[in-house]
């Protein structure tokens, strides 16, 4: 009898532990795995809907697509709730899988978020950032990834949800680099861009060459752009280039382009994530309201 009791207690303890250890979804978020012929794999997306969203109505919403949903979507999903009175209603879609290890995430994202081949960076990523892990990285699959986003992810979202043609793209680090390319490669299809802590140094400052060539082609840029970096990320690598990129865009005097830039002092490449996501959300979708608090409080 005692043996049965012990077994029963152990079973109960294991059951309770299993209940505690189960992976939980973010409250109110919706997730899907979209088959991708472009990548011969599936793409995980997560969706955060604005307050009051009702599929049965005819109201259409802009969509903000955010890269590296592995870490960015949980933050944005919660910000979406608390900032609802400060931003216009927007659907937020995170692109990226949050069910893999940190190493797997870093290895899979690197080629997908880089449009150019850069042998030096390939080696640097493995030897320094991945501390010599037994993996091989080859940059330059960014166009393939973008094709998958545009032809597979976005049609899925726009078929399932009440969306309009107002699309935004936000990225951090390599995601910021990726977004800087899309600013010029597909401007008009996307009209809101969050370029944060972007690796603009990639392939010998390739984004600056793209920007210059784009301007010389006499094309127009439309929409809103938010550019940021963390003050502790290194003046040469990130801060200087973020300012240079913002100033280059401002100097072109594009009539239909609004540019905001900000350096988050005291923030590192990782600690800046929360701040830059919050600021991107407001910069790109903020309402023209009084955001101060405490007026009239004794």
C-alpha atoms as a PDB file:
ATOM      1  CA  UNK A   1       0.000   0.000   0.000  1.00  0.00           C
ATOM      2  CA  UNK A   2       2.862   2.333   0.940  1.00  0.00           C
ATOM      3  CA  UNK A   3       4.593   1.511  -2.358  1.00  0.00           C
ATOM      4  CA  UNK A   4       1.444   2.387  -4.283  1.00  0.00           C
ATOM      5  CA  UNK A   5       1.167   5.632  -2.353  1.00  0.00           C
ATOM      6  CA  UNK A   6       4.760   6.579  -3.196  1.00  0.00           C
ATOM      7  CA  UNK A   7       4.199   5.769  -6.864  1.00  0.00           C
ATOM      8  CA  UNK A   8       1.015   7.827  -6.819  1.00  0.00           C
ATOM      9  CA  UNK A   9       2.790  10.804  -5.260  1.00  0.00           C
ATOM     10  CA  UNK A  10       5.612  10.582  -7.810  1.00  0.00           C
ATOM     11  CA  UNK A  11       3.108  10.409 -10.662  1.00  0.00           C
ATOM     12  CA  UNK A  12       1.251  13.425  -9.286  1.00  0.00           C
ATOM     13  CA  UNK A  13       4.505  15.346  -8.884  1.00  0.00           C
ATOM     14  CA  UNK A  14       5.544  14.527 -12.448  1.00  0.00           C
ATOM     15  CA  UNK A  15       2.117  15.573 -13.732  1.00  0.00           C
ATOM     16  CA  UNK A  16       2.284  18.863 -11.877  1.00  0.00           C
ATOM     17  CA  UNK A  17       5.807  19.462 -13.152  1.00  0.00           C
ATOM     18  CA  UNK A  18       4.725  18.704 -16.707  1.00  0.00           C
ATOM     19  CA  UNK A  19       1.889  21.191 -16.374  1.00  0.00           C
ATOM     20  CA  UNK A  20       4.254  23.900 -15.166  1.00  0.00           C
ATOM     21  CA  UNK A  21       6.860  23.170 -17.849  1.00  0.00           C
ATOM     22  CA  UNK A  22       4.478  23.240 -20.799  1.00  0.00           C
ATOM     23  CA  UNK A  23       5.179  25.891 -23.401  1.00  0.00           C
ATOM     24  CA  UNK A  24       2.483  28.552 -23.280  1.00  0.00           C
ATOM     25  CA  UNK A  25       1.355  30.813 -26.071  1.00  0.00           C
ATOM     26  CA  UNK A  26       1.213  34.561 -25.659  1.00  0.00           C
ATOM     27  CA  UNK A  27      -2.300  35.538 -24.629  1.00  0.00           C
ATOM     28  CA  UNK A  28      -4.237  36.712 -27.665  1.00  0.00           C
ATOM     29  CA  UNK A  29      -1.514  35.859 -30.191  1.00  0.00           C
ATOM     30  CA  UNK A  30      -2.090  33.536 -33.139  1.00  0.00           C
ATOM     31  CA  UNK A  31       0.629  31.442 -34.785  1.00  0.00           C
ATOM     32  CA  UNK A  32       0.920  29.523 -38.051  1.00  0.00           C
ATOM     33  CA  UNK A  33       3.469  27.455 -39.947  1.00  0.00           C
ATOM     34  CA  UNK A  34       3.307  28.422 -43.606  1.00  0.00           C
ATOM     35  CA  UNK A  35       4.735  25.944 -46.155  1.00  0.00           C
ATOM     36  CA  UNK A  36       7.361  27.656 -48.275  1.00  0.00           C
ATOM     37  CA  UNK A  37       8.342  26.385 -51.696  1.00  0.00           C
ATOM     38  CA  UNK A  38      10.863  29.220 -51.923  1.00  0.00           C
ATOM     39  CA  UNK A  39      12.771  27.954 -48.893  1.00  0.00           C
ATOM     40  CA  UNK A  40      11.860  24.247 -49.060  1.00  0.00           C
ATOM     41  CA  UNK A  41      10.775  24.589 -45.472  1.00  0.00           C
ATOM     42  CA  UNK A  42       8.049  26.230 -43.435  1.00  0.00           C
ATOM     43  CA  UNK A  43       7.929  29.789 -42.128  1.00  0.00           C
ATOM     44  CA  UNK A  44       6.608  30.428 -38.648  1.00  0.00           C
ATOM     45  CA  UNK A  45       4.545  33.588 -38.236  1.00  0.00           C
ATOM     46  CA  UNK A  46       2.850  35.041 -35.166  1.00  0.00           C
ATOM     47  CA  UNK A  47       0.023  37.565 -35.310  1.00  0.00           C
ATOM     48  CA  UNK A  48      -0.987  40.269 -32.830  1.00  0.00           C
ATOM     49  CA  UNK A  49      -4.340  41.905 -33.537  1.00  0.00           C
ATOM     50  CA  UNK A  50      -5.332  45.433 -32.482  1.00  0.00           C
ATOM     51  CA  UNK A  51      -7.955  45.956 -29.799  1.00  0.00           C
ATOM     52  CA  UNK A  52     -11.457  45.751 -31.218  1.00  0.00           C
ATOM     53  CA  UNK A  53     -10.426  43.800 -34.307  1.00  0.00           C
ATOM     54  CA  UNK A  54     -13.485  42.151 -35.816  1.00  0.00           C
ATOM     55  CA  UNK A  55     -13.094  39.926 -38.852  1.00  0.00           C
ATOM     56  CA  UNK A  56     -16.789  40.298 -39.708  1.00  0.00           C
ATOM     57  CA  UNK A  57     -16.515  44.053 -40.352  1.00  0.00           C
ATOM     58  CA  UNK A  58     -15.209  45.801 -43.461  1.00  0.00           C
ATOM     59  CA  UNK A  59     -12.581  47.776 -41.551  1.00  0.00           C
ATOM     60  CA  UNK A  60      -9.098  47.313 -43.020  1.00  0.00           C
ATOM     61  CA  UNK A  61      -5.851  47.613 -41.089  1.00  0.00           C
ATOM     62  CA  UNK A  62      -2.210  48.324 -41.920  1.00  0.00           C
ATOM     63  CA  UNK A  63       0.241  45.523 -41.150  1.00  0.00           C
ATOM     64  CA  UNK A  64       3.652  45.824 -39.550  1.00  0.00           C
ATOM     65  CA  UNK A  65       5.879  42.848 -40.340  1.00  0.00           C
ATOM     66  CA  UNK A  66       8.735  42.369 -37.878  1.00  0.00           C
ATOM     67  CA  UNK A  67      11.764  40.152 -38.460  1.00  0.00           C
ATOM     68  CA  UNK A  68      13.443  37.932 -35.867  1.00  0.00           C
ATOM     69  CA  UNK A  69      10.170  37.112 -34.162  1.00  0.00           C
ATOM     70  CA  UNK A  70      12.241  34.718 -32.041  1.00  0.00           C
ATOM     71  CA  UNK A  71      12.739  37.630 -29.639  1.00  0.00           C
ATOM     72  CA  UNK A  72      10.979  40.647 -31.151  1.00  0.00           C
ATOM     73  CA  UNK A  73       7.394  39.407 -31.339  1.00  0.00           C
ATOM     74  CA  UNK A  74       6.801  38.680 -27.616  1.00  0.00           C
ATOM     75  CA  UNK A  75       7.930  42.225 -26.782  1.00  0.00           C
ATOM     76  CA  UNK A  76       5.863  43.823 -29.526  1.00  0.00           C
ATOM     77  CA  UNK A  77       2.770  41.769 -28.726  1.00  0.00           C
ATOM     78  CA  UNK A  78       2.713  43.127 -25.172  1.00  0.00           C
ATOM     79  CA  UNK A  79       3.650  46.665 -26.249  1.00  0.00           C
ATOM     80  CA  UNK A  80       0.758  46.443 -28.699  1.00  0.00           C
ATOM     81  CA  UNK A  81      -1.636  46.184 -25.766  1.00  0.00           C
ATOM     82  CA  UNK A  82      -0.281  48.922 -23.521  1.00  0.00           C
ATOM     83  CA  UNK A  83       0.407  51.406 -26.356  1.00  0.00           C
ATOM     84  CA  UNK A  84      -2.981  50.986 -28.013  1.00  0.00           C
ATOM     85  CA  UNK A  85      -4.036  54.528 -27.078  1.00  0.00           C
ATOM     86  CA  UNK A  86      -0.886  56.025 -28.597  1.00  0.00           C
ATOM     87  CA  UNK A  87      -0.753  54.231 -31.949  1.00  0.00           C
ATOM     88  CA  UNK A  88      -3.168  53.706 -34.778  1.00  0.00           C
ATOM     89  CA  UNK A  89      -4.794  50.258 -34.947  1.00  0.00           C
ATOM     90  CA  UNK A  90      -2.321  47.974 -36.709  1.00  0.00           C
ATOM     91  CA  UNK A  91      -1.868  44.239 -37.177  1.00  0.00           C
ATOM     92  CA  UNK A  92       1.605  43.069 -36.120  1.00  0.00           C
ATOM     93  CA  UNK A  93       3.059  39.963 -37.780  1.00  0.00           C
ATOM     94  CA  UNK A  94       6.250  38.410 -36.453  1.00  0.00           C
ATOM     95  CA  UNK A  95       8.288  36.351 -38.924  1.00  0.00           C
ATOM     96  CA  UNK A  96      10.548  33.722 -37.366  1.00  0.00           C
ATOM     97  CA  UNK A  97      10.462  30.574 -35.255  1.00  0.00           C
ATOM     98  CA  UNK A  98      10.557  30.792 -31.457  1.00  0.00           C
ATOM     99  CA  UNK A  99      10.717  27.013 -30.965  1.00  0.00           C
ATOM    100  CA  UNK A 100      14.387  26.477 -31.771  1.00  0.00           C
ATOM    101  CA  UNK A 101      17.629  26.844 -29.836  1.00  0.00           C
ATOM    102  CA  UNK A 102      19.628  30.058 -29.817  1.00  0.00           C
ATOM    103  CA  UNK A 103      22.387  28.462 -31.917  1.00  0.00           C
ATOM    104  CA  UNK A 104      19.923  27.131 -34.493  1.00  0.00           C
ATOM    105  CA  UNK A 105      18.266  30.531 -34.673  1.00  0.00           C
ATOM    106  CA  UNK A 106      21.549  32.351 -35.247  1.00  0.00           C
ATOM    107  CA  UNK A 107      22.685  29.874 -37.888  1.00  0.00           C
ATOM    108  CA  UNK A 108      19.420  29.903 -39.846  1.00  0.00           C
ATOM    109  CA  UNK A 109      18.807  33.665 -39.752  1.00  0.00           C
ATOM    110  CA  UNK A 110      22.275  34.729 -40.912  1.00  0.00           C
ATOM    111  CA  UNK A 111      22.070  33.718 -44.597  1.00  0.00           C
ATOM    112  CA  UNK A 112      18.384  34.670 -44.858  1.00  0.00           C
ATOM    113  CA  UNK A 113      18.855  38.249 -43.691  1.00  0.00           C
ATOM    114  CA  UNK A 114      21.888  39.052 -45.848  1.00  0.00           C
ATOM    115  CA  UNK A 115      21.430  40.036 -49.492  1.00  0.00           C
ATOM    116  CA  UNK A 116      25.138  40.056 -50.350  1.00  0.00           C
ATOM    117  CA  UNK A 117      27.935  37.495 -50.078  1.00  0.00           C
ATOM    118  CA  UNK A 118      30.605  38.573 -47.611  1.00  0.00           C
ATOM    119  CA  UNK A 119      33.287  35.958 -46.921  1.00  0.00           C
ATOM    120  CA  UNK A 120      34.865  38.036 -44.146  1.00  0.00           C
ATOM    121  CA  UNK A 121      31.592  38.301 -42.225  1.00  0.00           C
ATOM    122  CA  UNK A 122      30.877  34.602 -42.762  1.00  0.00           C
ATOM    123  CA  UNK A 123      34.151  33.764 -41.057  1.00  0.00           C
ATOM    124  CA  UNK A 124      33.720  36.398 -38.343  1.00  0.00           C
ATOM    125  CA  UNK A 125      30.261  35.115 -37.411  1.00  0.00           C
ATOM    126  CA  UNK A 126      31.544  31.556 -36.926  1.00  0.00           C
ATOM    127  CA  UNK A 127      34.871  32.288 -35.252  1.00  0.00           C
ATOM    128  CA  UNK A 128      33.874  35.170 -32.995  1.00  0.00           C
ATOM    129  CA  UNK A 129      30.113  35.316 -32.443  1.00  0.00           C
ATOM    130  CA  UNK A 130      29.528  31.560 -32.567  1.00  0.00           C
ATOM    131  CA  UNK A 131      32.849  30.880 -30.814  1.00  0.00           C
ATOM    132  CA  UNK A 132      34.055  28.387 -33.391  1.00  0.00           C
ATOM    133  CA  UNK A 133      30.938  26.231 -33.484  1.00  0.00           C
ATOM    134  CA  UNK A 134      31.172  23.398 -36.060  1.00  0.00           C
ATOM    135  CA  UNK A 135      28.953  25.120 -38.601  1.00  0.00           C
ATOM    136  CA  UNK A 136      29.494  26.773 -41.955  1.00  0.00           C
ATOM    137  CA  UNK A 137      27.771  30.034 -42.798  1.00  0.00           C
ATOM    138  CA  UNK A 138      27.304  31.374 -46.304  1.00  0.00           C
ATOM    139  CA  UNK A 139      25.713  34.790 -46.607  1.00  0.00           C
ATOM    140  CA  UNK A 140      23.557  36.067 -49.440  1.00  0.00           C
ATOM    141  CA  UNK A 141      20.123  34.376 -49.381  1.00  0.00           C
ATOM    142  CA  UNK A 142      18.248  37.576 -48.568  1.00  0.00           C
ATOM    143  CA  UNK A 143      16.488  37.891 -51.923  1.00  0.00           C
ATOM    144  CA  UNK A 144      15.233  34.314 -51.662  1.00  0.00           C
ATOM    145  CA  UNK A 145      13.918  35.042 -48.166  1.00  0.00           C
ATOM    146  CA  UNK A 146      12.230  38.227 -49.319  1.00  0.00           C
ATOM    147  CA  UNK A 147      10.621  36.387 -52.225  1.00  0.00           C
ATOM    148  CA  UNK A 148       9.193  33.907 -49.705  1.00  0.00           C
ATOM    149  CA  UNK A 149       7.896  36.720 -47.490  1.00  0.00           C
ATOM    150  CA  UNK A 150       6.308  38.592 -50.377  1.00  0.00           C
ATOM    151  CA  UNK A 151       4.846  35.646 -52.297  1.00  0.00           C
ATOM    152  CA  UNK A 152       3.965  33.283 -49.429  1.00  0.00           C
ATOM    153  CA  UNK A 153       3.746  35.037 -46.055  1.00  0.00           C
ATOM    154  CA  UNK A 154       2.029  38.267 -47.055  1.00  0.00           C
ATOM    155  CA  UNK A 155      -0.648  36.645 -49.265  1.00  0.00           C
ATOM    156  CA  UNK A 156      -1.449  34.282 -46.379  1.00  0.00           C
ATOM    157  CA  UNK A 157      -1.865  37.203 -43.966  1.00  0.00           C
ATOM    158  CA  UNK A 158      -3.846  39.336 -46.386  1.00  0.00           C
ATOM    159  CA  UNK A 159      -6.206  36.483 -47.223  1.00  0.00           C
ATOM    160  CA  UNK A 160      -6.888  35.596 -43.591  1.00  0.00           C
ATOM    161  CA  UNK A 161      -7.075  39.068 -42.028  1.00  0.00           C
ATOM    162  CA  UNK A 162      -8.695  42.427 -42.844  1.00  0.00           C
ATOM    163  CA  UNK A 163      -5.695  44.283 -44.233  1.00  0.00           C
ATOM    164  CA  UNK A 164      -5.083  47.214 -46.536  1.00  0.00           C
ATOM    165  CA  UNK A 165      -2.074  47.941 -48.747  1.00  0.00           C
ATOM    166  CA  UNK A 166      -0.204  49.839 -46.008  1.00  0.00           C
ATOM    167  CA  UNK A 167       2.720  47.571 -45.096  1.00  0.00           C
ATOM    168  CA  UNK A 168       5.615  48.149 -42.712  1.00  0.00           C
ATOM    169  CA  UNK A 169       8.845  46.212 -42.165  1.00  0.00           C
ATOM    170  CA  UNK A 170      10.917  46.409 -38.977  1.00  0.00           C
ATOM    171  CA  UNK A 171      14.237  44.743 -38.216  1.00  0.00           C
ATOM    172  CA  UNK A 172      17.110  44.813 -35.736  1.00  0.00           C
ATOM    173  CA  UNK A 173      20.768  44.007 -36.423  1.00  0.00           C
ATOM    174  CA  UNK A 174      20.842  41.781 -39.526  1.00  0.00           C
ATOM    175  CA  UNK A 175      17.094  42.405 -39.702  1.00  0.00           C
ATOM    176  CA  UNK A 176      17.855  46.114 -39.883  1.00  0.00           C
ATOM    177  CA  UNK A 177      20.308  45.444 -42.709  1.00  0.00           C
ATOM    178  CA  UNK A 178      17.641  43.406 -44.509  1.00  0.00           C
ATOM    179  CA  UNK A 179      15.110  46.219 -44.092  1.00  0.00           C
ATOM    180  CA  UNK A 180      17.559  48.791 -45.473  1.00  0.00           C
ATOM    181  CA  UNK A 181      17.743  46.773 -48.683  1.00  0.00           C
ATOM    182  CA  UNK A 182      13.951  46.543 -48.993  1.00  0.00           C
ATOM    183  CA  UNK A 183      13.668  50.318 -48.565  1.00  0.00           C
ATOM    184  CA  UNK A 184      15.231  50.648 -52.022  1.00  0.00           C
ATOM    185  CA  UNK A 185      14.380  47.307 -53.627  1.00  0.00           C
ATOM    186  CA  UNK A 186      10.620  47.476 -53.062  1.00  0.00           C
ATOM    187  CA  UNK A 187       9.701  50.968 -51.939  1.00  0.00           C
ATOM    188  CA  UNK A 188       6.000  51.567 -52.414  1.00  0.00           C
ATOM    189  CA  UNK A 189       5.059  47.981 -51.683  1.00  0.00           C
ATOM    190  CA  UNK A 190       6.366  48.692 -48.179  1.00  0.00           C
ATOM    191  CA  UNK A 191       6.032  52.275 -46.984  1.00  0.00           C
ATOM    192  CA  UNK A 192       7.096  52.111 -43.314  1.00  0.00           C
ATOM    193  CA  UNK A 193      10.566  50.962 -42.330  1.00  0.00           C
ATOM    194  CA  UNK A 194      12.254  50.364 -38.971  1.00  0.00           C
ATOM    195  CA  UNK A 195      16.018  50.128 -39.494  1.00  0.00           C
ATOM    196  CA  UNK A 196      17.495  49.467 -36.062  1.00  0.00           C
ATOM    197  CA  UNK A 197      21.082  48.653 -35.061  1.00  0.00           C
ATOM    198  CA  UNK A 198      21.548  47.708 -38.683  1.00  0.00           C
ATOM    199  CA  UNK A 199      24.730  45.970 -39.827  1.00  0.00           C
ATOM    200  CA  UNK A 200      25.243  48.629 -42.499  1.00  0.00           C
ATOM    201  CA  UNK A 201      28.955  47.770 -42.603  1.00  0.00           C
ATOM    202  CA  UNK A 202      28.130  44.453 -44.297  1.00  0.00           C
ATOM    203  CA  UNK A 203      29.936  43.806 -47.593  1.00  0.00           C
ATOM    204  CA  UNK A 204      32.018  46.977 -47.350  1.00  0.00           C
ATOM    205  CA  UNK A 205      29.101  49.330 -46.586  1.00  0.00           C
ATOM    206  CA  UNK A 206      26.968  48.014 -49.441  1.00  0.00           C
ATOM    207  CA  UNK A 207      23.742  49.749 -48.252  1.00  0.00           C
ATOM    208  CA  UNK A 208      25.366  53.158 -48.757  1.00  0.00           C
ATOM    209  CA  UNK A 209      26.245  52.279 -52.344  1.00  0.00           C
ATOM    210  CA  UNK A 210      22.670  51.107 -52.932  1.00  0.00           C
ATOM    211  CA  UNK A 211      21.321  54.352 -51.494  1.00  0.00           C
ATOM    212  CA  UNK A 212      23.577  56.472 -53.715  1.00  0.00           C
ATOM    213  CA  UNK A 213      22.708  54.519 -56.858  1.00  0.00           C
ATOM    214  CA  UNK A 214      19.018  54.728 -56.046  1.00  0.00           C
ATOM    215  CA  UNK A 215      19.146  58.505 -55.678  1.00  0.00           C
ATOM    216  CA  UNK A 216      21.096  58.880 -58.916  1.00  0.00           C
ATOM    217  CA  UNK A 217      18.406  56.877 -60.726  1.00  0.00           C
ATOM    218  CA  UNK A 218      16.069  59.817 -59.921  1.00  0.00           C
ATOM    219  CA  UNK A 219      13.496  57.583 -58.311  1.00  0.00           C
ATOM    220  CA  UNK A 220      11.350  58.721 -55.395  1.00  0.00           C
ATOM    221  CA  UNK A 221      11.100  57.268 -51.909  1.00  0.00           C
ATOM    222  CA  UNK A 222       7.786  57.320 -50.066  1.00  0.00           C
ATOM    223  CA  UNK A 223       6.711  56.555 -46.528  1.00  0.00           C
ATOM    224  CA  UNK A 224       8.223  56.737 -43.054  1.00  0.00           C
ATOM    225  CA  UNK A 225      11.662  55.577 -41.955  1.00  0.00           C
ATOM    226  CA  UNK A 226      12.901  55.176 -38.380  1.00  0.00           C
ATOM    227  CA  UNK A 227      16.636  54.594 -37.926  1.00  0.00           C
ATOM    228  CA  UNK A 228      18.262  53.876 -34.565  1.00  0.00           C
ATOM    229  CA  UNK A 229      21.259  52.413 -32.770  1.00  0.00           C
ATOM    230  CA  UNK A 230      22.406  51.844 -29.204  1.00  0.00           C
ATOM    231  CA  UNK A 231      25.003  54.194 -27.779  1.00  0.00           C
ATOM    232  CA  UNK A 232      27.131  51.285 -26.528  1.00  0.00           C
ATOM    233  CA  UNK A 233      27.165  49.451 -29.850  1.00  0.00           C
ATOM    234  CA  UNK A 234      30.331  51.156 -30.982  1.00  0.00           C
ATOM    235  CA  UNK A 235      30.611  54.524 -32.648  1.00  0.00           C
ATOM    236  CA  UNK A 236      32.281  53.197 -35.775  1.00  0.00           C
ATOM    237  CA  UNK A 237      30.266  50.030 -36.350  1.00  0.00           C
ATOM    238  CA  UNK A 238      26.724  51.151 -35.603  1.00  0.00           C
ATOM    239  CA  UNK A 239      26.231  54.683 -34.282  1.00  0.00           C
ATOM    240  CA  UNK A 240      28.247  56.515 -36.931  1.00  0.00           C
ATOM    241  CA  UNK A 241      26.707  54.495 -39.734  1.00  0.00           C
ATOM    242  CA  UNK A 242      23.138  54.915 -38.431  1.00  0.00           C
ATOM    243  CA  UNK A 243      23.611  58.690 -38.367  1.00  0.00           C
ATOM    244  CA  UNK A 244      25.312  58.676 -41.759  1.00  0.00           C
ATOM    245  CA  UNK A 245      22.481  56.650 -43.306  1.00  0.00           C
ATOM    246  CA  UNK A 246      19.799  58.924 -41.836  1.00  0.00           C
ATOM    247  CA  UNK A 247      21.642  62.067 -42.937  1.00  0.00           C
ATOM    248  CA  UNK A 248      22.128  60.684 -46.459  1.00  0.00           C
ATOM    249  CA  UNK A 249      18.379  60.136 -46.790  1.00  0.00           C
ATOM    250  CA  UNK A 250      17.627  63.607 -45.413  1.00  0.00           C
ATOM    251  CA  UNK A 251      20.050  65.223 -47.840  1.00  0.00           C
ATOM    252  CA  UNK A 252      18.109  63.822 -50.819  1.00  0.00           C
ATOM    253  CA  UNK A 253      15.013  65.868 -49.940  1.00  0.00           C
ATOM    254  CA  UNK A 254      12.550  63.187 -50.988  1.00  0.00           C
ATOM    255  CA  UNK A 255       9.193  64.959 -50.908  1.00  0.00           C
ATOM    256  CA  UNK A 256       7.177  61.965 -49.715  1.00  0.00           C
ATOM    257  CA  UNK A 257       9.617  60.549 -47.182  1.00  0.00           C
ATOM    258  CA  UNK A 258       9.558  61.237 -43.441  1.00  0.00           C
ATOM    259  CA  UNK A 259      12.747  60.342 -41.558  1.00  0.00           C
ATOM    260  CA  UNK A 260      13.322  60.037 -37.819  1.00  0.00           C
ATOM    261  CA  UNK A 261      16.511  58.818 -36.178  1.00  0.00           C
ATOM    262  CA  UNK A 262      17.574  58.276 -32.585  1.00  0.00           C
ATOM    263  CA  UNK A 263      20.577  57.008 -30.626  1.00  0.00           C
ATOM    264  CA  UNK A 264      19.619  55.205 -27.402  1.00  0.00           C
ATOM    265  CA  UNK A 265      22.396  56.239 -25.031  1.00  0.00           C
ATOM    266  CA  UNK A 266      23.553  53.625 -22.540  1.00  0.00           C
ATOM    267  CA  UNK A 267      22.050  50.719 -24.504  1.00  0.00           C
ATOM    268  CA  UNK A 268      23.975  47.784 -25.935  1.00  0.00           C
ATOM    269  CA  UNK A 269      23.235  45.739 -29.060  1.00  0.00           C
ATOM    270  CA  UNK A 270      20.929  43.514 -27.024  1.00  0.00           C
ATOM    271  CA  UNK A 271      19.509  45.810 -24.341  1.00  0.00           C
ATOM    272  CA  UNK A 272      18.404  48.285 -27.003  1.00  0.00           C
ATOM    273  CA  UNK A 273      15.868  45.829 -28.443  1.00  0.00           C
ATOM    274  CA  UNK A 274      12.974  46.801 -26.180  1.00  0.00           C
ATOM    275  CA  UNK A 275      13.589  50.509 -26.620  1.00  0.00           C
ATOM    276  CA  UNK A 276      13.943  50.379 -30.383  1.00  0.00           C
ATOM    277  CA  UNK A 277      10.813  48.248 -30.819  1.00  0.00           C
ATOM    278  CA  UNK A 278       8.761  50.646 -28.718  1.00  0.00           C
ATOM    279  CA  UNK A 279      10.124  53.666 -30.560  1.00  0.00           C
ATOM    280  CA  UNK A 280       9.683  52.011 -33.982  1.00  0.00           C
ATOM    281  CA  UNK A 281       6.057  51.286 -33.165  1.00  0.00           C
ATOM    282  CA  UNK A 282       5.355  54.880 -32.198  1.00  0.00           C
ATOM    283  CA  UNK A 283       7.520  56.507 -34.874  1.00  0.00           C
ATOM    284  CA  UNK A 284       5.840  54.552 -37.659  1.00  0.00           C
ATOM    285  CA  UNK A 285       2.279  54.297 -36.285  1.00  0.00           C
ATOM    286  CA  UNK A 286       2.008  56.938 -33.554  1.00  0.00           C
ATOM    287  CA  UNK A 287      -1.059  59.124 -33.156  1.00  0.00           C
ATOM    288  CA  UNK A 288      -0.775  62.898 -32.940  1.00  0.00           C
ATOM    289  CA  UNK A 289      -1.824  63.138 -29.299  1.00  0.00           C
ATOM    290  CA  UNK A 290      -0.551  64.553 -26.013  1.00  0.00           C
ATOM    291  CA  UNK A 291       1.499  61.703 -24.544  1.00  0.00           C
ATOM    292  CA  UNK A 292       2.473  63.444 -21.313  1.00  0.00           C
ATOM    293  CA  UNK A 293       1.176  62.148 -18.008  1.00  0.00           C
ATOM    294  CA  UNK A 294       0.443  63.779 -14.687  1.00  0.00           C
ATOM    295  CA  UNK A 295      -0.955  67.127 -15.876  1.00  0.00           C
ATOM    296  CA  UNK A 296      -3.229  68.411 -13.148  1.00  0.00           C
ATOM    297  CA  UNK A 297      -1.995  65.910 -10.570  1.00  0.00           C
ATOM    298  CA  UNK A 298      -1.371  67.543  -7.217  1.00  0.00           C
END
